[in-house]
Structures are given as C-alpha cells and as structure tokens.
Amino acid sequence: MARLFPKIKPEDIGNPGERSVARALLEQLPRRVEVFHGFNWLARNARDTLLEGECDFILLEPENGLLFVEVKGGSLVFDGEKWVRQVGSERRELNKDPFAQAQRGMHDIVDIVSRRHGGKSDGLPFAYGFAVAFPDCRVSGWLPPNIQPELILDAAKLKTVPDAVKRIFASFSRKEHRPLYADEVASVREALYPKYELVPVLWRRIEDQEERLSRLTQEQQRILDILEQQPKAAISGVAGSGKTLLALAKAQAMARQGLRTLLLCFNRPLKDWLLQSVRDGFGGKLVIDNYHGLADDLCRAAAVPLWDRGDTKDPNFWTEIVPVALEEACERLGPEHKFDAIIVDEGQDFEDLWWDSLDSVFRDAANKACYYVFYDPKQNLFVDSPSLPDELGPPYPLPTNCRNTVRIAAHCASLVGHDNKVRDEAPIGEDPVMVSAQTISEAFRAAGKQVRELCESGKGGLKPSQAAVLAPAYTERDWPGKFGTIALTRDFDEWRRGKGVLIATWGRFKGLEADAVVIVETLMRDEARETTTRYVARSRAKHWLTVIEVDAS
C-alpha cells in the first residue's frame, strides 16, 4: 500500500473525485511509492508576478521518477474546442484545459525539485510526466492530437493503476533516465513536503527576555523603600541581584534630597558606565568615581603629592599609601570637597584602610546622613578576606537573581554553592555552552566562531555592543583584532557605541554585564581563586554564555 502525504485517511478528502483516485492509488501501488495530495505552490510569470498553482496528486516512484495527476470528476466532454462538464441537464464550460493545466503544473513543480539538484529541469536524471484522471468516466470517441491515450486515467484504468502508471512512465522516459538513489528520493520528498520551523532569532529572544528581566529589576528596587529610614546599611547580594542598579538608585535619591552624594566603586569601567547612566547632573550634588580616582582628585585639589610616594606596581602602594594620602588631603580640604552621603558598590574589593580613609571624606563622620555598602563576598577578586565597617550592622541579604536567565543563574550559583533563587517570571533562557580547546590559539578560533554565530546578521543578529569576550590578562598578546567580519575593540567607550565586540579581562569587566558573553578560561592552581574568577566572569552574561576551557596540562 502506497503512503499518502499529508498523513490523512482517503475518506477525509472532501472532493469525491479526488477521494476515489486516492483510494485507487493507495490500495494498488506498493509501499515504496509516495503519494502527495493537494500540492500547492507559488510561481512567478515573465512579469515577475506571483501566480498560484495546485496539483491534485504527485507520485514519487523510486524506480521511475515523478508523475503529476490532475483529477476531473463528473461527466466531461471535449467538443473539439473546449472542455465541458455535464451536471444533470446543465453544461458548464471549464476555464482550463485539464491536460494543459497538468502539464504547466508539472513544469513548475519540476523547477522546484530541480533547484535542490542544483540544475535545470532537463538535467534531472529520472523521468517525469503528467496525466489526467477521470474517475467517473470512460473514454469514447476520437482524441485530439495533443492527448495521448496513456495519459488518461479513466474509471477502467483506475482499476489497474500499476499497469497504467507503468505505461505513462514508459511514454516520458528517455534512455538516459535511471531509478532514483535513496538520497535523491529524500531530496525530492523534502522539496515536495519540507519540514520547517520558525525559530526566533537570538536578538529577538534576548529582546523579549530583557523586557522581563527589566521588570524584575524594577521590583527589586522596593528594597530601598524598606530601608528608606535607615541611614546606614550593608547589602549583600548574589551576582545578578541588582546591587549596582540599587546603589545608583540610592545615590540619585540622596542627591535629589539636596545631599552632596558620592557613588563609589572599585572598577574604572564600571565607573564610566555609571557616569553614562546618569543624565541628570543633580546640580553637582552627585559625584561618581572609583576609589583610585577619588584619591587622585582630592589629592590634586589639596596639593598632596600622591604618585611619587611609591611604586604603583607594589600592591602596598594601593592598599596602604593611597588611603593615607587621601586622609591627608581631606585634612586640608574644606566641606565643599566632602560628602553628606556615600554609597559604595563592589564593597568586597575595598581594603580595610580604604574604609578608614572614607571617614575623612564625610563632611561629618560622626553624623553620616547616608552610608550604604553593596557587596558580594563571593566576588572578592582582589581582597582575600574582605570586611566592612562595623557601624553598618548586619548585612541585608539580596538572594534573588534578577539579571541572568534562569539557566545561567543556576550555572553560576552552582559554582559557589548558592541556592539558585529566581523569580517565577524570570525567563528560562539557554543552557551555557561549554567548549574544550587544547591551546589558546584554538580557544580564540572557537571564540571567533561563536561570536560570528551570535552577531552576523543572518544568524544571531546581535549588535556588537551586546556581546563581550573575556579572557585572562596573560593572553592579551594573543587577542585578535577581529573575528572575520566582526570587529573587536578593547575600548569600553567604543564598545558601548557599537564600534566592535568588546574583548577584555574579566577583572576589567567586573561589575558590568552583556547580553552575550564568550569566556576563554585556563585552569589555575589556586582552586578557591579559580572558583571566584569563574563566578565573577560567567555571571556577567545575561542571556547567552559560552565558556571555552583550555586544557593547560
């Protein structure tokens, strides 16, 4: 029994004539024959106008080729000029010659099939032909010269379908024609009955997910309402809990109240991002800086020498000398240089002496209008045992991730043993992609392939400003300038302006985020430091994360 596409029962076919032909074809032809019913297509004419086409049946016969069958039910007569259908006592003229209709349809569909073979229809290696079925009639009289007897499947021939089909193929077959190979049968089947899927492109999926994450972040800001009457607070949050946005919101709220406010962080690129995020100048009431920049600015204002006090390559210069210089500067400066409110982000990266020096930055250290510190003890890349000022009291927890998709959040939480707490409305997203590489060069080739998949217009379609590549600092000499047609940049401002996909170390990128992040990692000897680094780097990815692990052994 032949197979019918689509997979419906013949009795479910509405047209009585087509229903009769379907039964005859399916019951009499062997299983290797595939029968396609109601094939519709669009073709362009010489004026490039789209025209509709429809073929009642297409037979795919592996031993011979393709047969196209038009069905005309009822009683029909050809009067020498036109085709007429007899319905009771009424005669209705057909607007199309069924044989010409079958022939045109054959050529249109053969063109569709031949494109899968990369050539013209006359280059197909198998036969193809057409016929017209008249399930309710028998042939009587003389046939016109453009119709051959074997091309008619009347009621009598439909009782012996295999023989009739064999004669039709014999009429159209040429000596160069041969049976179809298995892959050719599959190719023709896919051309006639393709399986396709409308998959949302990555940029659109991210756009939808971003809207949902944005709503979650806005909900997170209710925490500031809870703490509104509390002038001092330590807020401990997991990666992606919205700490930076909450710190920015709190700083702006203080500035709006007329308080001279300092929003302080550790990372210079994060400082730059915060500056670009604030459009309202607040009349000079809001200052955004990182700790090193603040020390430099105030030392210059107080004429306190800073950079000649030691070797900047010596860690002690930053942990001990800079805070002492900052305190000296503040002793010389008046209240116009100091602050009523200080909000700190990335508090886990602040040294003990830095906290001491910040007391001198307040206008009234004994009566601080606002002192908030946001931190994540699991992201301490630069301080082995971070501590906070005792006056802040017990930390207020932010355990819920509202930046990453659920799957990325779960991946990052598992690295440091956190419970993966996300809101029910959070987008699920894609699983992180893990790739292995033997060398750094191989890793960057893999990174290039992934970035092209993410950013090329015919693929992921992300903007350069939506993607970042993070790699260890010691690999910087191996960083390429571009990945094929995708430009790379090491400049954060150029990246934000869409001039290229960012390539940076995860230390420089700490505190920032991107829709898609590709990370090149190598194993480290310090297991604890390695875990922290992975957590910090991987949690930067909001919607898409690819990790390329280099086996340095």
Protein backbone atom coordinates (compact mmCIF):
# COMPACT_ATOMS: atom_id res chain seq x y z
CA MET A 1 0.00 0.00 0.00
CA ALA A 2 1.40 3.37 -1.04
CA ARG A 3 1.98 6.15 1.51
CA LEU A 4 -0.07 9.36 1.47
CA PHE A 5 1.23 12.81 2.37
CA PRO A 6 -0.11 14.54 4.36
CA LYS A 7 -0.98 11.60 6.56
CA ILE A 8 -4.77 11.63 6.31
CA LYS A 9 -7.32 8.97 5.52
CA PRO A 10 -8.65 8.94 1.91
CA GLU A 11 -12.20 9.24 3.26
CA ASP A 12 -11.24 12.60 4.79
CA ILE A 13 -10.62 14.09 1.32
CA GLY A 14 -13.55 16.37 0.56
CA ASN A 15 -13.62 16.21 -3.25
CA PRO A 16 -15.38 12.97 -4.34
CA GLY A 17 -13.28 12.55 -7.49
CA GLU A 18 -10.00 13.05 -5.64
CA ARG A 19 -11.21 10.71 -2.91
CA SER A 20 -11.79 7.95 -5.47
CA VAL A 21 -8.39 8.45 -7.10
CA ALA A 22 -6.65 8.47 -3.70
CA ARG A 23 -8.19 5.11 -2.81
CA ALA A 24 -7.12 3.60 -6.12
CA LEU A 25 -3.54 4.87 -5.85
CA LEU A 26 -3.02 3.89 -2.23
CA GLU A 27 -4.64 0.45 -2.43
CA GLN A 28 -2.94 -0.68 -5.65
CA LEU A 29 0.53 0.85 -5.62
CA PRO A 30 3.34 -0.62 -3.48
CA ARG A 31 4.64 0.98 -0.26
CA ARG A 32 7.74 2.36 -1.98
CA VAL A 33 5.51 4.82 -3.84
CA GLU A 34 4.81 8.10 -2.07
CA VAL A 35 1.62 9.97 -2.99
CA PHE A 36 1.38 13.72 -2.29
CA HIS A 37 -2.14 15.12 -2.30
CA GLY A 38 -3.21 18.73 -2.80
CA PHE A 39 0.22 20.17 -3.55
CA ASN A 40 0.08 23.99 -3.71
CA TRP A 41 2.81 26.37 -4.80
CA LEU A 42 3.55 29.90 -5.98
CA ALA A 43 5.44 30.62 -9.19
CA ARG A 44 6.41 33.85 -10.98
CA ASN A 45 5.47 34.64 -14.54
CA ALA A 46 7.55 36.61 -17.06
CA ARG A 47 6.44 39.86 -15.38
CA ASP A 48 7.65 38.60 -12.01
CA THR A 49 4.08 38.35 -10.75
CA LEU A 50 3.26 35.58 -8.29
CA LEU A 51 0.74 33.05 -9.58
CA GLU A 52 -0.90 30.27 -7.60
CA GLY A 53 -0.64 26.65 -8.66
CA GLU A 54 -2.18 23.42 -7.44
CA CYS A 55 -1.69 19.78 -8.35
CA ASP A 56 -4.15 17.16 -7.14
CA PHE A 57 -1.62 14.30 -6.87
CA ILE A 58 2.12 13.81 -7.26
CA LEU A 59 3.53 10.30 -7.32
CA LEU A 60 7.14 9.75 -6.29
CA GLU A 61 8.14 6.36 -7.72
CA PRO A 62 11.78 5.50 -6.89
CA GLU A 63 12.14 3.13 -9.87
CA ASN A 64 10.95 5.72 -12.40
CA GLY A 65 10.50 9.29 -11.21
CA LEU A 66 7.64 11.77 -10.76
CA LEU A 67 4.09 11.63 -12.09
CA PHE A 68 1.73 14.59 -11.84
CA VAL A 69 -2.00 13.82 -11.89
CA GLU A 70 -4.87 16.27 -12.36
CA VAL A 71 -8.32 14.97 -11.36
CA LYS A 72 -11.59 15.90 -13.03
CA GLY A 73 -14.67 14.26 -11.52
CA GLY A 74 -18.12 14.01 -13.04
CA SER A 75 -19.02 13.63 -16.72
CA LEU A 76 -16.84 15.60 -19.16
CA VAL A 77 -16.94 16.15 -22.89
CA PHE A 78 -14.42 17.70 -25.26
CA ASP A 79 -16.39 19.18 -28.18
CA GLY A 80 -13.36 19.86 -30.37
CA GLU A 81 -12.80 23.37 -28.96
CA LYS A 82 -13.40 23.31 -25.24
CA TRP A 83 -13.95 21.08 -22.24
CA VAL A 84 -17.48 20.93 -20.84
CA ARG A 85 -18.70 19.35 -17.58
CA GLN A 86 -22.17 17.80 -17.63
CA VAL A 87 -24.00 18.34 -14.30
CA GLY A 88 -27.52 16.91 -14.66
CA SER A 89 -29.11 18.81 -17.50
CA GLU A 90 -26.68 21.73 -17.14
CA ARG A 91 -23.47 22.04 -19.13
CA ARG A 92 -20.59 24.10 -17.66
CA GLU A 93 -17.53 25.08 -19.61
CA LEU A 94 -14.17 24.52 -17.89
CA ASN A 95 -11.96 27.59 -17.83
CA LYS A 96 -8.81 25.46 -18.17
CA ASP A 97 -7.78 22.55 -20.36
CA PRO A 98 -7.05 19.83 -17.74
CA PHE A 99 -4.16 18.41 -19.78
CA ALA A 100 -2.58 21.84 -20.29
CA GLN A 101 -3.16 22.51 -16.59
CA ALA A 102 -1.41 19.26 -15.61
CA GLN A 103 1.49 19.97 -17.97
CA ARG A 104 2.07 23.52 -16.67
CA GLY A 105 1.90 22.30 -13.10
CA MET A 106 4.42 19.57 -13.89
CA HIS A 107 6.96 22.07 -15.22
CA ASP A 108 6.51 24.46 -12.27
CA ILE A 109 6.96 21.71 -9.70
CA VAL A 110 9.87 20.12 -11.57
CA ASP A 111 11.62 23.50 -11.39
CA ILE A 112 11.16 23.44 -7.60
CA VAL A 113 12.59 19.93 -7.39
CA SER A 114 15.45 20.62 -9.78
CA ARG A 115 16.70 23.52 -7.66
CA ARG A 116 17.54 21.01 -4.95
CA HIS A 117 19.65 19.20 -7.55
CA GLY A 118 21.43 22.45 -8.42
CA GLY A 119 20.47 22.40 -12.08
CA LYS A 120 17.77 22.83 -14.66
CA SER A 121 14.78 20.53 -15.06
CA ASP A 122 16.20 18.90 -18.18
CA GLY A 123 19.17 17.89 -16.09
CA LEU A 124 17.17 15.62 -13.79
CA PRO A 125 18.43 12.05 -14.05
CA PHE A 126 14.97 10.50 -13.76
CA ALA A 127 11.72 10.65 -15.73
CA TYR A 128 8.75 12.86 -15.02
CA GLY A 129 5.35 13.10 -16.73
CA PHE A 130 1.70 14.02 -16.30
CA ALA A 131 -1.74 12.52 -16.67
CA VAL A 132 -5.39 13.42 -16.09
CA ALA A 133 -7.72 11.18 -14.10
CA PHE A 134 -11.43 10.95 -14.91
CA PRO A 135 -12.67 8.62 -12.13
CA ASP A 136 -16.32 8.86 -13.18
CA CYS A 137 -15.86 8.49 -16.96
CA ARG A 138 -14.71 6.17 -19.71
CA VAL A 139 -13.11 7.33 -22.97
CA SER A 140 -15.36 7.40 -26.01
CA GLY A 141 -14.62 8.83 -29.46
CA TRP A 142 -11.51 10.21 -31.07
CA LEU A 143 -8.88 12.01 -29.01
CA PRO A 144 -7.41 15.38 -30.11
CA PRO A 145 -3.77 15.24 -31.31
CA ASN A 146 -2.36 16.85 -28.11
CA ILE A 147 -3.68 13.99 -25.94
CA GLN A 148 -2.24 10.50 -25.92
CA PRO A 149 -4.41 7.59 -24.69
CA GLU A 150 -1.96 6.53 -21.98
CA LEU A 151 -2.20 9.99 -20.35
CA ILE A 152 -5.84 9.34 -19.48
CA LEU A 153 -6.71 7.53 -16.26
CA ASP A 154 -10.40 6.83 -16.70
CA ALA A 155 -12.60 4.63 -14.50
CA ALA A 156 -11.40 1.46 -16.24
CA LYS A 157 -7.67 2.26 -15.92
CA LEU A 158 -8.05 3.21 -12.26
CA LYS A 159 -8.90 -0.46 -11.66
CA THR A 160 -5.39 -1.39 -12.92
CA VAL A 161 -3.34 1.52 -11.65
CA PRO A 162 0.11 -0.17 -11.63
CA ASP A 163 -0.11 -1.04 -15.33
CA ALA A 164 -1.44 2.39 -16.24
CA VAL A 165 1.34 4.17 -14.30
CA LYS A 166 3.96 1.93 -15.90
CA ARG A 167 2.73 2.88 -19.40
CA ILE A 168 2.78 6.60 -18.56
CA PHE A 169 6.38 6.48 -17.33
CA ALA A 170 7.38 4.49 -20.44
CA SER A 171 5.99 7.30 -22.60
CA PHE A 172 8.06 10.01 -20.86
CA SER A 173 11.23 8.05 -20.16
CA ARG A 174 14.40 8.64 -22.17
CA LYS A 175 17.40 6.38 -22.47
CA GLU A 176 19.48 8.49 -20.04
CA HIS A 177 16.90 8.22 -17.28
CA ARG A 178 17.53 5.88 -14.37
CA PRO A 179 15.97 4.99 -10.99
CA LEU A 180 16.40 7.42 -8.11
CA TYR A 181 19.06 6.85 -5.49
CA ALA A 182 17.98 6.84 -1.85
CA ASP A 183 19.36 10.32 -1.20
CA GLU A 184 17.57 11.62 -4.31
CA VAL A 185 14.27 10.21 -3.07
CA ALA A 186 14.84 12.04 0.24
CA SER A 187 15.77 15.24 -1.60
CA VAL A 188 12.63 15.17 -3.75
CA ARG A 189 10.49 14.38 -0.70
CA GLU A 190 11.94 17.36 1.16
CA ALA A 191 11.27 19.61 -1.85
CA LEU A 192 7.66 18.49 -2.08
CA TYR A 193 6.91 18.14 1.62
CA PRO A 194 9.50 20.14 3.55
CA LYS A 195 9.68 20.18 7.30
CA TYR A 196 10.46 23.62 8.59
CA GLU A 197 10.41 25.53 11.81
CA LEU A 198 10.08 29.22 12.54
CA VAL A 199 12.79 29.72 15.14
CA PRO A 200 13.01 33.15 16.78
CA VAL A 201 16.39 34.73 16.07
CA LEU A 202 18.64 35.23 19.07
CA TRP A 203 18.35 39.02 19.12
CA ARG A 204 14.56 38.77 19.32
CA ARG A 205 14.64 36.15 22.09
CA ILE A 206 17.03 38.35 24.04
CA GLU A 207 14.84 41.40 23.47
CA ASP A 208 11.87 39.57 24.94
CA GLN A 209 13.88 38.18 27.86
CA GLU A 210 15.36 41.61 28.57
CA GLU A 211 11.90 43.13 28.98
CA ARG A 212 11.08 40.52 31.60
CA LEU A 213 14.38 40.94 33.47
CA SER A 214 13.92 44.70 33.47
CA ARG A 215 10.59 44.30 35.22
CA LEU A 216 12.21 42.06 37.85
CA THR A 217 14.97 44.63 38.48
CA GLN A 218 12.36 47.35 38.99
CA GLU A 219 10.63 45.15 41.56
CA GLN A 220 13.96 44.73 43.36
CA GLN A 221 14.11 48.47 43.99
CA ARG A 222 11.34 48.11 46.52
CA ILE A 223 14.11 47.12 48.92
CA LEU A 224 15.21 50.76 49.01
CA ASP A 225 11.73 51.71 50.15
CA ILE A 226 12.04 49.25 53.03
CA LEU A 227 15.39 50.74 54.07
CA GLU A 228 14.40 54.36 53.46
CA GLN A 229 14.52 55.35 57.13
CA GLN A 230 17.79 53.50 57.74
CA PRO A 231 20.82 55.80 57.16
CA LYS A 232 23.41 53.03 57.29
CA ALA A 233 23.22 49.61 55.69
CA ALA A 234 25.28 46.79 54.25
CA ILE A 235 23.50 44.97 51.42
CA SER A 236 24.91 41.56 50.50
CA GLY A 237 23.69 40.28 47.16
CA VAL A 238 24.44 37.38 44.85
CA ALA A 239 25.67 38.10 41.35
CA GLY A 240 22.81 39.45 39.31
CA SER A 241 20.74 40.61 42.27
CA GLY A 242 20.76 44.21 41.07
CA LYS A 243 23.26 45.65 43.56
CA THR A 244 24.77 48.17 41.15
CA LEU A 245 21.38 49.44 39.99
CA LEU A 246 20.19 49.73 43.57
CA ALA A 247 23.36 51.61 44.54
CA LEU A 248 22.80 54.00 41.64
CA ALA A 249 19.14 54.49 42.57
CA LYS A 250 20.04 55.19 46.23
CA ALA A 251 22.73 57.69 45.23
CA GLN A 252 20.33 59.57 42.97
CA ALA A 253 17.68 59.61 45.68
CA MET A 254 20.13 61.18 48.13
CA ALA A 255 21.24 63.78 45.56
CA ARG A 256 17.60 64.71 44.88
CA GLN A 257 17.24 65.47 48.60
CA GLY A 258 19.99 68.06 48.21
CA LEU A 259 22.72 65.98 49.89
CA ARG A 260 26.15 66.05 48.33
CA THR A 261 26.46 62.39 47.44
CA LEU A 262 29.36 60.15 46.39
CA LEU A 263 28.73 56.93 44.49
CA LEU A 264 31.96 54.98 44.78
CA CYS A 265 33.07 51.71 43.15
CA PHE A 266 36.29 49.79 42.54
CA ASN A 267 36.38 49.20 38.80
CA ARG A 268 37.14 52.07 36.38
CA PRO A 269 34.96 50.69 33.52
CA LEU A 270 32.07 50.35 35.96
CA LYS A 271 32.57 53.97 36.99
CA ASP A 272 32.41 55.01 33.33
CA TRP A 273 29.21 53.04 32.84
CA LEU A 274 27.63 54.65 35.89
CA LEU A 275 28.57 58.11 34.63
CA GLN A 276 26.92 57.40 31.28
CA SER A 277 23.82 56.08 33.03
CA VAL A 278 23.14 59.34 34.86
CA ARG A 279 21.75 62.07 32.62
CA ASP A 280 20.63 64.40 35.40
CA GLY A 281 23.58 66.35 36.81
CA PHE A 282 21.69 66.96 40.08
CA GLY A 283 23.24 70.42 40.25
CA GLY A 284 26.63 68.99 41.12
CA LYS A 285 25.20 67.10 44.10
CA LEU A 286 26.12 63.66 42.71
CA VAL A 287 29.74 62.59 42.15
CA ILE A 288 30.55 59.18 40.67
CA ASP A 289 34.09 57.82 40.94
CA ASN A 290 36.16 54.76 41.73
CA TYR A 291 38.33 54.74 44.83
CA HIS A 292 41.62 55.37 42.99
CA GLY A 293 40.09 58.22 41.01
CA LEU A 294 38.65 59.79 44.15
CA ALA A 295 42.04 59.68 45.88
CA ASP A 296 43.73 61.21 42.86
CA ASP A 297 41.14 64.00 42.52
CA LEU A 298 41.18 65.02 46.18
CA CYS A 299 44.97 64.81 46.48
CA ARG A 300 45.28 67.12 43.47
CA ALA A 301 42.72 69.52 44.96
CA ALA A 302 44.66 69.59 48.26
CA ALA A 303 48.10 69.71 46.59
CA VAL A 304 49.05 66.47 48.35
CA PRO A 305 51.62 64.54 46.31
CA LEU A 306 50.45 61.00 45.61
CA TRP A 307 52.20 59.31 42.71
CA ASP A 308 55.75 59.94 43.86
CA ARG A 309 55.17 58.24 47.23
CA GLY A 310 55.95 54.77 45.99
CA ASP A 311 55.97 52.25 43.18
CA THR A 312 52.49 51.80 41.73
CA LYS A 313 53.44 48.21 40.82
CA ASP A 314 53.83 47.44 44.51
CA PRO A 315 50.48 46.25 45.97
CA ASN A 316 51.25 48.11 49.20
CA PHE A 317 51.08 51.39 47.29
CA TRP A 318 47.33 50.89 46.72
CA THR A 319 46.45 49.20 49.99
CA GLU A 320 48.42 51.43 52.40
CA ILE A 321 49.96 54.54 50.78
CA VAL A 322 46.90 55.74 48.81
CA PRO A 323 44.46 55.72 51.78
CA VAL A 324 46.98 57.62 53.95
CA ALA A 325 47.42 60.25 51.23
CA LEU A 326 43.63 60.53 50.89
CA GLU A 327 43.26 61.22 54.63
CA GLU A 328 45.98 63.89 54.43
CA ALA A 329 44.19 65.55 51.53
CA CYS A 330 40.87 65.58 53.37
CA GLU A 331 42.51 67.23 56.41
CA ARG A 332 43.44 70.18 54.16
CA LEU A 333 40.17 70.39 52.22
CA GLY A 334 37.05 72.24 53.25
CA PRO A 335 33.49 70.83 53.43
CA GLU A 336 32.80 71.85 49.80
CA HIS A 337 35.01 68.93 48.69
CA LYS A 338 33.41 66.41 51.03
CA PHE A 339 30.12 64.49 51.12
CA ASP A 340 26.99 64.06 53.20
CA ALA A 341 26.20 60.65 51.75
CA ILE A 342 28.45 57.87 50.43
CA ILE A 343 27.15 54.79 48.61
CA VAL A 344 29.71 52.10 47.78
CA ASP A 345 29.34 49.37 45.17
CA GLU A 346 31.78 46.41 44.86
CA GLY A 347 32.45 46.69 48.59
CA GLN A 348 34.06 43.25 48.69
CA ASP A 349 37.08 44.70 46.82
CA PHE A 350 37.75 47.53 49.30
CA GLU A 351 40.76 47.22 51.64
CA ASP A 352 40.47 47.77 55.40
CA LEU A 353 42.41 51.07 55.27
CA TRP A 354 40.16 52.31 52.49
CA TRP A 355 37.18 52.15 54.84
CA ASP A 356 39.13 54.11 57.42
CA SER A 357 40.03 56.77 54.86
CA LEU A 358 36.40 57.17 53.76
CA ASP A 359 35.56 58.53 57.22
CA SER A 360 37.63 61.59 56.32
CA VAL A 361 35.64 62.04 53.09
CA PHE A 362 32.39 62.62 55.01
CA ARG A 363 31.57 66.18 55.98
CA ASP A 364 30.56 64.92 59.43
CA ALA A 365 31.93 61.45 60.12
CA ALA A 366 30.05 61.33 63.44
CA ASN A 367 26.69 62.11 61.82
CA LYS A 368 26.60 60.45 58.41
CA ALA A 369 23.41 61.24 56.50
CA CYS A 370 23.73 58.07 54.43
CA TYR A 371 26.31 55.29 54.30
CA TYR A 372 25.36 52.26 52.18
CA VAL A 373 27.67 49.48 51.01
CA PHE A 374 26.64 46.90 48.38
CA TYR A 375 28.82 43.82 48.09
CA ASP A 376 29.08 40.13 47.22
CA PRO A 377 31.63 38.19 49.30
CA LYS A 378 31.80 35.56 46.55
CA GLN A 379 33.19 38.13 44.08
CA ASN A 380 36.28 39.18 46.03
CA LEU A 381 38.87 39.09 43.25
CA PHE A 382 41.33 41.47 44.92
CA VAL A 383 40.90 41.12 48.70
CA ASP A 384 41.43 37.74 50.32
CA SER A 385 39.34 38.38 53.43
CA PRO A 386 37.06 41.36 52.81
CA SER A 387 35.48 43.16 55.75
CA LEU A 388 33.05 46.03 56.14
CA PRO A 389 32.75 48.85 58.69
CA ASP A 390 31.11 47.58 61.89
CA GLU A 391 28.82 50.60 62.04
CA LEU A 392 26.84 49.29 59.06
CA GLY A 393 25.42 46.45 61.14
CA PRO A 394 24.32 43.00 59.96
CA PRO A 395 24.01 42.77 56.17
CA TYR A 396 20.66 42.87 54.45
CA PRO A 397 20.52 39.92 52.02
CA LEU A 398 19.63 40.05 48.33
CA PRO A 399 19.41 36.34 47.49
CA THR A 400 17.38 36.57 44.28
CA ASN A 401 18.99 36.81 40.84
CA CYS A 402 17.13 39.20 38.53
CA ARG A 403 19.81 39.80 35.89
CA ASN A 404 20.57 36.40 34.38
CA THR A 405 18.26 33.92 32.75
CA VAL A 406 17.31 31.00 34.98
CA ARG A 407 19.77 28.58 33.41
CA ILE A 408 22.73 30.95 33.59
CA ALA A 409 21.80 31.88 37.16
CA ALA A 410 21.68 28.20 38.13
CA HIS A 411 25.05 27.58 36.49
CA CYS A 412 26.69 30.45 38.38
CA ALA A 413 25.06 29.60 41.69
CA SER A 414 26.35 26.03 41.47
CA LEU A 415 29.93 27.29 41.19
CA VAL A 416 29.88 28.88 44.65
CA GLY A 417 27.30 26.73 46.41
CA HIS A 418 24.46 29.28 46.38
CA ASP A 419 20.83 28.27 46.23
CA ASN A 420 19.55 29.36 42.84
CA LYS A 421 16.80 31.80 43.77
CA VAL A 422 14.98 33.38 40.84
CA ARG A 423 11.55 34.86 40.39
CA ASP A 424 8.81 32.77 38.80
CA GLU A 425 8.58 35.32 35.98
CA ALA A 426 12.27 35.06 35.09
CA PRO A 427 13.00 33.85 31.53
CA ILE A 428 14.41 30.33 31.31
CA GLY A 429 16.96 31.05 28.55
CA GLU A 430 19.52 28.68 27.07
CA ASP A 431 21.94 26.36 28.82
CA PRO A 432 25.53 27.65 28.91
CA VAL A 433 27.60 26.27 26.03
CA MET A 434 30.78 24.51 27.16
CA VAL A 435 33.61 24.07 24.63
CA SER A 436 37.01 22.39 25.10
CA ALA A 437 40.25 23.58 23.48
CA GLN A 438 43.82 22.31 23.62
CA THR A 439 45.59 25.63 23.11
CA ILE A 440 44.94 29.35 23.48
CA SER A 441 45.01 29.76 19.70
CA GLU A 442 42.40 27.05 19.31
CA ALA A 443 40.32 28.69 22.03
CA PHE A 444 40.28 32.04 20.24
CA ARG A 445 39.34 30.35 16.98
CA ALA A 446 36.41 28.77 18.80
CA ALA A 447 35.56 32.15 20.33
CA GLY A 448 35.58 33.70 16.86
CA LYS A 449 33.21 31.06 15.54
CA GLN A 450 30.84 31.66 18.45
CA VAL A 451 30.93 35.45 18.11
CA ARG A 452 30.13 35.20 14.40
CA GLU A 453 27.18 32.94 15.21
CA LEU A 454 25.98 35.50 17.73
CA CYS A 455 26.48 38.68 15.74
CA GLU A 456 26.27 38.03 12.00
CA SER A 457 23.06 39.43 10.56
CA GLY A 458 21.93 36.15 9.02
CA LYS A 459 22.46 34.30 12.29
CA GLY A 460 22.11 35.64 15.85
CA GLY A 461 21.90 39.26 14.73
CA LEU A 462 23.20 40.79 17.98
CA LYS A 463 24.72 44.26 17.94
CA PRO A 464 28.45 44.48 18.80
CA SER A 465 27.51 46.37 21.98
CA GLN A 466 25.54 43.34 23.16
CA ALA A 467 28.47 40.89 23.16
CA ALA A 468 31.78 40.62 25.00
CA VAL A 469 34.73 38.24 25.01
CA LEU A 470 36.52 37.79 28.35
CA ALA A 471 39.97 36.23 28.66
CA PRO A 472 42.88 36.03 31.12
CA ALA A 473 45.24 39.02 31.16
CA TYR A 474 48.28 36.94 30.21
CA THR A 475 46.62 36.01 26.88
CA GLU A 476 46.36 39.65 25.80
CA ARG A 477 49.19 39.28 23.26
CA ASP A 478 47.07 36.62 21.53
CA TRP A 479 43.94 38.73 21.28
CA PRO A 480 42.86 39.19 17.65
CA GLY A 481 41.73 42.48 16.19
CA LYS A 482 38.63 40.95 14.62
CA PHE A 483 36.78 37.71 14.13
CA GLY A 484 36.25 37.55 10.38
CA THR A 485 33.89 40.41 9.55
CA ILE A 486 33.16 41.09 13.24
CA ALA A 487 35.34 43.90 14.61
CA LEU A 488 36.76 43.66 18.13
CA THR A 489 37.67 46.51 20.43
CA ARG A 490 39.47 46.84 23.75
CA ASP A 491 37.98 50.27 24.35
CA PHE A 492 34.86 50.26 26.53
CA ASP A 493 33.53 53.51 25.05
CA GLU A 494 33.90 52.18 21.50
CA TRP A 495 32.10 49.02 22.57
CA ARG A 496 29.17 50.96 24.00
CA ARG A 497 28.95 52.94 20.77
CA GLY A 498 28.75 49.70 18.81
CA LYS A 499 32.15 50.00 17.12
CA GLY A 500 33.05 46.40 17.91
CA VAL A 501 32.56 43.45 20.20
CA LEU A 502 34.48 44.06 23.43
CA ILE A 503 37.46 41.89 24.30
CA ALA A 504 38.71 42.39 27.86
CA THR A 505 39.87 40.67 31.00
CA TRP A 506 37.19 39.65 33.47
CA GLY A 507 38.89 41.83 36.08
CA ARG A 508 38.30 44.90 33.90
CA PHE A 509 34.76 43.76 33.14
CA LYS A 510 33.83 43.09 36.77
CA GLY A 511 30.63 44.86 37.73
CA LEU A 512 29.49 45.14 34.11
CA GLU A 513 27.27 42.89 32.03
CA ALA A 514 26.48 41.96 28.44
CA ASP A 515 23.65 40.13 26.76
CA ALA A 516 26.07 37.54 25.41
CA VAL A 517 29.46 36.66 26.89
CA VAL A 518 32.11 34.33 25.50
CA ILE A 519 34.79 33.37 28.04
CA VAL A 520 38.22 31.87 27.41
CA GLU A 521 39.39 30.10 30.56
CA THR A 522 42.52 28.27 31.61
CA LEU A 523 42.89 26.17 34.72
CA MET A 524 44.56 27.83 37.70
CA ARG A 525 46.50 26.30 40.59
CA ASP A 526 44.57 28.26 43.23
CA GLU A 527 41.25 26.42 43.32
CA ALA A 528 39.50 29.00 45.50
CA ARG A 529 40.65 31.87 43.31
CA GLU A 530 39.67 29.92 40.20
CA THR A 531 36.13 29.40 41.54
CA THR A 532 35.77 33.09 42.34
CA THR A 533 37.08 34.11 38.93
CA ARG A 534 34.69 31.76 37.14
CA TYR A 535 31.76 33.01 39.20
CA VAL A 536 32.57 36.66 38.53
CA ALA A 537 33.18 36.17 34.81
CA ARG A 538 30.29 33.86 34.00
CA SER A 539 27.73 35.87 35.95
CA ARG A 540 28.35 38.81 33.57
CA ALA A 541 26.30 37.03 30.88
CA LYS A 542 22.65 37.99 30.97
CA HIS A 543 21.17 35.84 28.20
CA TRP A 544 23.89 33.79 26.49
CA LEU A 545 27.03 32.24 27.93
CA THR A 546 29.75 30.30 26.14
CA VAL A 547 32.74 29.02 28.10
CA ILE A 548 35.81 27.80 26.21
CA GLU A 549 38.02 25.83 28.60
CA VAL A 550 41.68 25.42 27.69
CA ASP A 551 43.35 22.28 28.96
CA ALA A 552 46.71 23.70 30.01
CA SER A 553 48.02 20.30 31.08
